[in-house]
């Protein structure tokens, strides 16, 4: 499955805010299992890990080529 970084960040952000997996899946038009796998990669169900993942993504400094 080809998922853009924006969609992945939106999924992680929504899960970190406390939205249930089934709700996030409906919002991004994906299967609940796929949303759950993306969330697990970022630390789901530990909301603290999800928040840190969101914070790290927002504060990442682009590397100069």
PDB file of N, CA and C in Angstrom:
ATOM      1  N   UNK A   1       0.838  -1.174   0.000  1.00  0.00           N
ATOM      2  CA  UNK A   1       0.000   0.000   0.000  1.00  0.00           C
ATOM      3  C   UNK A   1       0.886   1.241   0.000  1.00  0.00           C
ATOM      4  N   UNK A   2       0.608   2.131  -0.912  1.00  0.00           N
ATOM      5  CA  UNK A   2       1.386   3.351  -1.050  1.00  0.00           C
ATOM      6  C   UNK A   2       0.691   4.475  -0.279  1.00  0.00           C
ATOM      7  N   UNK A   3       1.291   4.887   0.831  1.00  0.00           N
ATOM      8  CA  UNK A   3       0.695   5.916   1.680  1.00  0.00           C
ATOM      9  C   UNK A   3       1.650   7.103   1.740  1.00  0.00           C
ATOM     10  N   UNK A   4       1.122   8.287   1.492  1.00  0.00           N
ATOM     11  CA  UNK A   4       1.969   9.470   1.543  1.00  0.00           C
ATOM     12  C   UNK A   4       2.303   9.812   2.995  1.00  0.00           C
ATOM     13  N   UNK A   5       3.326  10.591   3.161  1.00  0.00           N
ATOM     14  CA  UNK A   5       3.753  11.015   4.490  1.00  0.00           C
ATOM     15  C   UNK A   5       2.666  11.847   5.164  1.00  0.00           C
ATOM     16  N   UNK A   6       1.957  12.650   4.387  1.00  0.00           N
ATOM     17  CA  UNK A   6       0.889  13.477   4.953  1.00  0.00           C
ATOM     18  C   UNK A   6      -0.225  12.621   5.547  1.00  0.00           C
ATOM     19  N   UNK A   7      -0.616  11.580   4.830  1.00  0.00           N
ATOM     20  CA  UNK A   7      -1.674  10.686   5.327  1.00  0.00           C
ATOM     21  C   UNK A   7      -1.193   9.957   6.574  1.00  0.00           C
ATOM     22  N   UNK A   8       0.047   9.476   6.544  1.00  0.00           N
ATOM     23  CA  UNK A   8       0.603   8.770   7.699  1.00  0.00           C
ATOM     24  C   UNK A   8       0.642   9.698   8.918  1.00  0.00           C
ATOM     25  N   UNK A   9       1.065  10.939   8.736  1.00  0.00           N
ATOM     26  CA  UNK A   9       1.112  11.903   9.843  1.00  0.00           C
ATOM     27  C   UNK A   9      -0.290  12.214  10.366  1.00  0.00           C
ATOM     28  N   UNK A  10      -1.266  12.314   9.463  1.00  0.00           N
ATOM     29  CA  UNK A  10      -2.629  12.584   9.881  1.00  0.00           C
ATOM     30  C   UNK A  10      -3.177  11.421  10.712  1.00  0.00           C
ATOM     31  N   UNK A  11      -2.889  10.188  10.298  1.00  0.00           N
ATOM     32  CA  UNK A  11      -3.341   9.014  11.045  1.00  0.00           C
ATOM     33  C   UNK A  11      -2.738   9.010  12.439  1.00  0.00           C
ATOM     34  N   UNK A  12      -1.430   9.213  12.530  1.00  0.00           N
ATOM     35  CA  UNK A  12      -0.753   9.202  13.831  1.00  0.00           C
ATOM     36  C   UNK A  12      -1.264  10.337  14.712  1.00  0.00           C
ATOM     37  N   UNK A  13      -1.478  11.505  14.131  1.00  0.00           N
ATOM     38  CA  UNK A  13      -1.984  12.643  14.902  1.00  0.00           C
ATOM     39  C   UNK A  13      -3.381  12.362  15.452  1.00  0.00           C
ATOM     40  N   UNK A  14      -4.246  11.806  14.623  1.00  0.00           N
ATOM     41  CA  UNK A  14      -5.607  11.514  15.075  1.00  0.00           C
ATOM     42  C   UNK A  14      -5.612  10.456  16.168  1.00  0.00           C
ATOM     43  N   UNK A  15      -4.756   9.449  16.037  1.00  0.00           N
ATOM     44  CA  UNK A  15      -4.673   8.424  17.076  1.00  0.00           C
ATOM     45  C   UNK A  15      -4.112   9.018  18.368  1.00  0.00           C
ATOM     46  N   UNK A  16      -3.140   9.924  18.242  1.00  0.00           N
ATOM     47  CA  UNK A  16      -2.553  10.560  19.426  1.00  0.00           C
ATOM     48  C   UNK A  16      -3.574  11.442  20.140  1.00  0.00           C
ATOM     49  N   UNK A  17      -4.510  12.004  19.396  1.00  0.00           N
ATOM     50  CA  UNK A  17      -5.552  12.837  19.993  1.00  0.00           C
ATOM     51  C   UNK A  17      -6.634  12.008  20.674  1.00  0.00           C
ATOM     52  N   UNK A  18      -6.576  10.685  20.490  1.00  0.00           N
ATOM     53  CA  UNK A  18      -7.528   9.815  21.153  1.00  0.00           C
ATOM     54  C   UNK A  18      -8.643   9.276  20.282  1.00  0.00           C
ATOM     55  N   UNK A  19      -8.592   9.541  18.991  1.00  0.00           N
ATOM     56  CA  UNK A  19      -9.626   9.015  18.094  1.00  0.00           C
ATOM     57  C   UNK A  19      -9.476   7.499  17.974  1.00  0.00           C
ATOM     58  N   UNK A  20     -10.593   6.767  17.961  1.00  0.00           N
ATOM     59  CA  UNK A  20     -10.501   5.315  17.816  1.00  0.00           C
ATOM     60  C   UNK A  20     -10.062   4.917  16.404  1.00  0.00           C
ATOM     61  N   UNK A  21      -9.482   3.740  16.297  1.00  0.00           N
ATOM     62  CA  UNK A  21      -8.954   3.253  15.014  1.00  0.00           C
ATOM     63  C   UNK A  21     -10.051   3.227  13.954  1.00  0.00           C
ATOM     64  N   UNK A  22     -11.239   2.735  14.292  1.00  0.00           N
ATOM     65  CA  UNK A  22     -12.311   2.627  13.301  1.00  0.00           C
ATOM     66  C   UNK A  22     -12.719   4.000  12.766  1.00  0.00           C
ATOM     67  N   UNK A  23     -12.662   5.032  13.622  1.00  0.00           N
ATOM     68  CA  UNK A  23     -13.013   6.389  13.200  1.00  0.00           C
ATOM     69  C   UNK A  23     -11.964   6.942  12.242  1.00  0.00           C
ATOM     70  N   UNK A  24     -10.696   6.751  12.607  1.00  0.00           N
ATOM     71  CA  UNK A  24      -9.602   7.228  11.755  1.00  0.00           C
ATOM     72  C   UNK A  24      -9.665   6.526  10.394  1.00  0.00           C
ATOM     73  N   UNK A  25      -9.939   5.226  10.409  1.00  0.00           N
ATOM     74  CA  UNK A  25     -10.036   4.462   9.162  1.00  0.00           C
ATOM     75  C   UNK A  25     -11.127   5.029   8.262  1.00  0.00           C
ATOM     76  N   UNK A  26     -12.252   5.387   8.848  1.00  0.00           N
ATOM     77  CA  UNK A  26     -13.333   5.979   8.072  1.00  0.00           C
ATOM     78  C   UNK A  26     -12.966   7.344   7.505  1.00  0.00           C
ATOM     79  N   UNK A  27     -12.233   8.125   8.271  1.00  0.00           N
ATOM     80  CA  UNK A  27     -11.848   9.473   7.827  1.00  0.00           C
ATOM     81  C   UNK A  27     -10.854   9.442   6.670  1.00  0.00           C
ATOM     82  N   UNK A  28      -9.948   8.460   6.672  1.00  0.00           N
ATOM     83  CA  UNK A  28      -8.929   8.390   5.617  1.00  0.00           C
ATOM     84  C   UNK A  28      -9.269   7.347   4.560  1.00  0.00           C
ATOM     85  N   UNK A  29     -10.467   6.732   4.686  1.00  0.00           N
ATOM     86  CA  UNK A  29     -10.960   5.755   3.721  1.00  0.00           C
ATOM     87  C   UNK A  29      -9.986   4.579   3.559  1.00  0.00           C
ATOM     88  N   UNK A  30      -9.614   3.983   4.689  1.00  0.00           N
ATOM     89  CA  UNK A  30      -8.729   2.822   4.699  1.00  0.00           C
ATOM     90  C   UNK A  30      -9.334   1.755   5.598  1.00  0.00           C
ATOM     91  N   UNK A  31      -8.783   0.554   5.520  1.00  0.00           N
ATOM     92  CA  UNK A  31      -9.223  -0.518   6.409  1.00  0.00           C
ATOM     93  C   UNK A  31      -8.686  -0.251   7.812  1.00  0.00           C
ATOM     94  N   UNK A  32      -9.444  -0.667   8.811  1.00  0.00           N
ATOM     95  CA  UNK A  32      -9.040  -0.479  10.207  1.00  0.00           C
ATOM     96  C   UNK A  32      -7.704  -1.152  10.488  1.00  0.00           C
ATOM     97  N   UNK A  33      -7.490  -2.321   9.895  1.00  0.00           N
ATOM     98  CA  UNK A  33      -6.237  -3.039  10.131  1.00  0.00           C
ATOM     99  C   UNK A  33      -5.040  -2.225   9.637  1.00  0.00           C
ATOM    100  N   UNK A  34      -5.166  -1.604   8.465  1.00  0.00           N
ATOM    101  CA  UNK A  34      -4.069  -0.800   7.930  1.00  0.00           C
ATOM    102  C   UNK A  34      -3.766   0.400   8.825  1.00  0.00           C
ATOM    103  N   UNK A  35      -4.814   1.037   9.337  1.00  0.00           N
ATOM    104  CA  UNK A  35      -4.633   2.161  10.256  1.00  0.00           C
ATOM    105  C   UNK A  35      -3.957   1.679  11.535  1.00  0.00           C
ATOM    106  N   UNK A  36      -4.386   0.524  12.023  1.00  0.00           N
ATOM    107  CA  UNK A  36      -3.793  -0.040  13.248  1.00  0.00           C
ATOM    108  C   UNK A  36      -2.311  -0.325  13.046  1.00  0.00           C
ATOM    109  N   UNK A  37      -1.932  -0.884  11.905  1.00  0.00           N
ATOM    110  CA  UNK A  37      -0.515  -1.190  11.627  1.00  0.00           C
ATOM    111  C   UNK A  37       0.313   0.092  11.591  1.00  0.00           C
ATOM    112  N   UNK A  38      -0.191   1.126  10.943  1.00  0.00           N
ATOM    113  CA  UNK A  38       0.519   2.406  10.891  1.00  0.00           C
ATOM    114  C   UNK A  38       0.651   2.976  12.297  1.00  0.00           C
ATOM    115  N   UNK A  39      -0.408   2.881  13.086  1.00  0.00           N
ATOM    116  CA  UNK A  39      -0.359   3.356  14.462  1.00  0.00           C
ATOM    117  C   UNK A  39       0.648   2.582  15.296  1.00  0.00           C
ATOM    118  N   UNK A  40       0.690   1.269  15.126  1.00  0.00           N
ATOM    119  CA  UNK A  40       1.647   0.449  15.876  1.00  0.00           C
ATOM    120  C   UNK A  40       3.085   0.814  15.545  1.00  0.00           C
ATOM    121  N   UNK A  41       3.352   1.141  14.288  1.00  0.00           N
ATOM    122  CA  UNK A  41       4.696   1.559  13.895  1.00  0.00           C
ATOM    123  C   UNK A  41       5.118   2.833  14.633  1.00  0.00           C
ATOM    124  N   UNK A  42       4.142   3.663  14.985  1.00  0.00           N
ATOM    125  CA  UNK A  42       4.432   4.922  15.682  1.00  0.00           C
ATOM    126  C   UNK A  42       4.292   4.812  17.193  1.00  0.00           C
ATOM    127  N   UNK A  43       3.894   3.635  17.703  1.00  0.00           N
ATOM    128  CA  UNK A  43       3.806   3.460  19.144  1.00  0.00           C
ATOM    129  C   UNK A  43       2.420   3.224  19.700  1.00  0.00           C
ATOM    130  N   UNK A  44       1.415   3.098  18.844  1.00  0.00           N
ATOM    131  CA  UNK A  44       0.053   2.830  19.305  1.00  0.00           C
ATOM    132  C   UNK A  44       0.018   1.497  20.032  1.00  0.00           C
ATOM    133  N   UNK A  45      -0.661   1.324  21.136  1.00  0.00           N
ATOM    134  CA  UNK A  45      -1.679   2.166  21.756  1.00  0.00           C
ATOM    135  C   UNK A  45      -1.142   3.124  22.814  1.00  0.00           C
ATOM    136  N   UNK A  46       0.166   3.250  22.962  1.00  0.00           N
ATOM    137  CA  UNK A  46       0.749   4.169  23.947  1.00  0.00           C
ATOM    138  C   UNK A  46       0.650   5.593  23.409  1.00  0.00           C
ATOM    139  N   UNK A  47      -0.292   6.368  23.949  1.00  0.00           N
ATOM    140  CA  UNK A  47      -0.521   7.722  23.436  1.00  0.00           C
ATOM    141  C   UNK A  47       0.682   8.641  23.643  1.00  0.00           C
ATOM    142  N   UNK A  48       1.481   8.396  24.673  1.00  0.00           N
ATOM    143  CA  UNK A  48       2.676   9.218  24.891  1.00  0.00           C
ATOM    144  C   UNK A  48       3.674   9.010  23.748  1.00  0.00           C
ATOM    145  N   UNK A  49       3.851   7.769  23.322  1.00  0.00           N
ATOM    146  CA  UNK A  49       4.749   7.493  22.192  1.00  0.00           C
ATOM    147  C   UNK A  49       4.215   8.126  20.909  1.00  0.00           C
ATOM    148  N   UNK A  50       2.896   8.078  20.726  1.00  0.00           N
ATOM    149  CA  UNK A  50       2.304   8.700  19.543  1.00  0.00           C
ATOM    150  C   UNK A  50       2.535  10.207  19.550  1.00  0.00           C
ATOM    151  N   UNK A  51       2.361  10.829  20.706  1.00  0.00           N
ATOM    152  CA  UNK A  51       2.590  12.277  20.792  1.00  0.00           C
ATOM    153  C   UNK A  51       4.043  12.633  20.489  1.00  0.00           C
ATOM    154  N   UNK A  52       4.963  11.805  20.992  1.00  0.00           N
ATOM    155  CA  UNK A  52       6.380  12.047  20.687  1.00  0.00           C
ATOM    156  C   UNK A  52       6.654  11.888  19.200  1.00  0.00           C
ATOM    157  N   UNK A  53       6.019  10.914  18.556  1.00  0.00           N
ATOM    158  CA  UNK A  53       6.192  10.719  17.114  1.00  0.00           C
ATOM    159  C   UNK A  53       5.667  11.919  16.338  1.00  0.00           C
ATOM    160  N   UNK A  54       4.521  12.450  16.758  1.00  0.00           N
ATOM    161  CA  UNK A  54       3.959  13.636  16.104  1.00  0.00           C
ATOM    162  C   UNK A  54       4.890  14.825  16.312  1.00  0.00           C
ATOM    163  N   UNK A  55       5.372  15.008  17.532  1.00  0.00           N
ATOM    164  CA  UNK A  55       6.270  16.123  17.829  1.00  0.00           C
ATOM    165  C   UNK A  55       7.549  16.017  17.004  1.00  0.00           C
ATOM    166  N   UNK A  56       8.115  14.821  16.920  1.00  0.00           N
ATOM    167  CA  UNK A  56       9.354  14.627  16.159  1.00  0.00           C
ATOM    168  C   UNK A  56       9.141  14.917  14.682  1.00  0.00           C
ATOM    169  N   UNK A  57       8.005  14.514  14.140  1.00  0.00           N
ATOM    170  CA  UNK A  57       7.727  14.767  12.726  1.00  0.00           C
ATOM    171  C   UNK A  57       7.572  16.257  12.454  1.00  0.00           C
ATOM    172  N   UNK A  58       6.955  16.971  13.379  1.00  0.00           N
ATOM    173  CA  UNK A  58       6.756  18.418  13.178  1.00  0.00           C
ATOM    174  C   UNK A  58       8.044  19.209  13.357  1.00  0.00           C
ATOM    175  N   UNK A  59       8.953  18.718  14.171  1.00  0.00           N
ATOM    176  CA  UNK A  59      10.165  19.468  14.468  1.00  0.00           C
ATOM    177  C   UNK A  59      11.400  18.942  13.753  1.00  0.00           C
ATOM    178  N   UNK A  60      11.187  18.073  12.799  1.00  0.00           N
ATOM    179  CA  UNK A  60      12.297  17.523  12.023  1.00  0.00           C
ATOM    180  C   UNK A  60      12.861  18.611  11.123  1.00  0.00           C
ATOM    181  N   UNK A  61      14.165  18.752  11.141  1.00  0.00           N
ATOM    182  CA  UNK A  61      14.834  19.750  10.318  1.00  0.00           C
ATOM    183  C   UNK A  61      15.248  19.088   9.003  1.00  0.00           C
ATOM    184  N   UNK A  62      14.825  19.663   7.866  1.00  0.00           N
ATOM    185  CA  UNK A  62      15.212  19.076   6.587  1.00  0.00           C
ATOM    186  C   UNK A  62      16.732  19.102   6.414  1.00  0.00           C
ATOM    187  N   UNK A  63      17.264  18.003   5.938  1.00  0.00           N
ATOM    188  CA  UNK A  63      18.706  17.898   5.706  1.00  0.00           C
ATOM    189  C   UNK A  63      19.082  18.526   4.374  1.00  0.00           C
ATOM    190  N   UNK A  64      20.135  19.318   4.364  1.00  0.00           N
ATOM    191  CA  UNK A  64      20.619  19.921   3.131  1.00  0.00           C
ATOM    192  C   UNK A  64      21.307  18.861   2.284  1.00  0.00           C
ATOM    193  N   UNK A  65      21.063  18.904   1.000  1.00  0.00           N
ATOM    194  CA  UNK A  65      21.647  17.888   0.110  1.00  0.00           C
ATOM    195  C   UNK A  65      23.046  18.229  -0.289  1.00  0.00           C
TER     196      UNK A  65
END
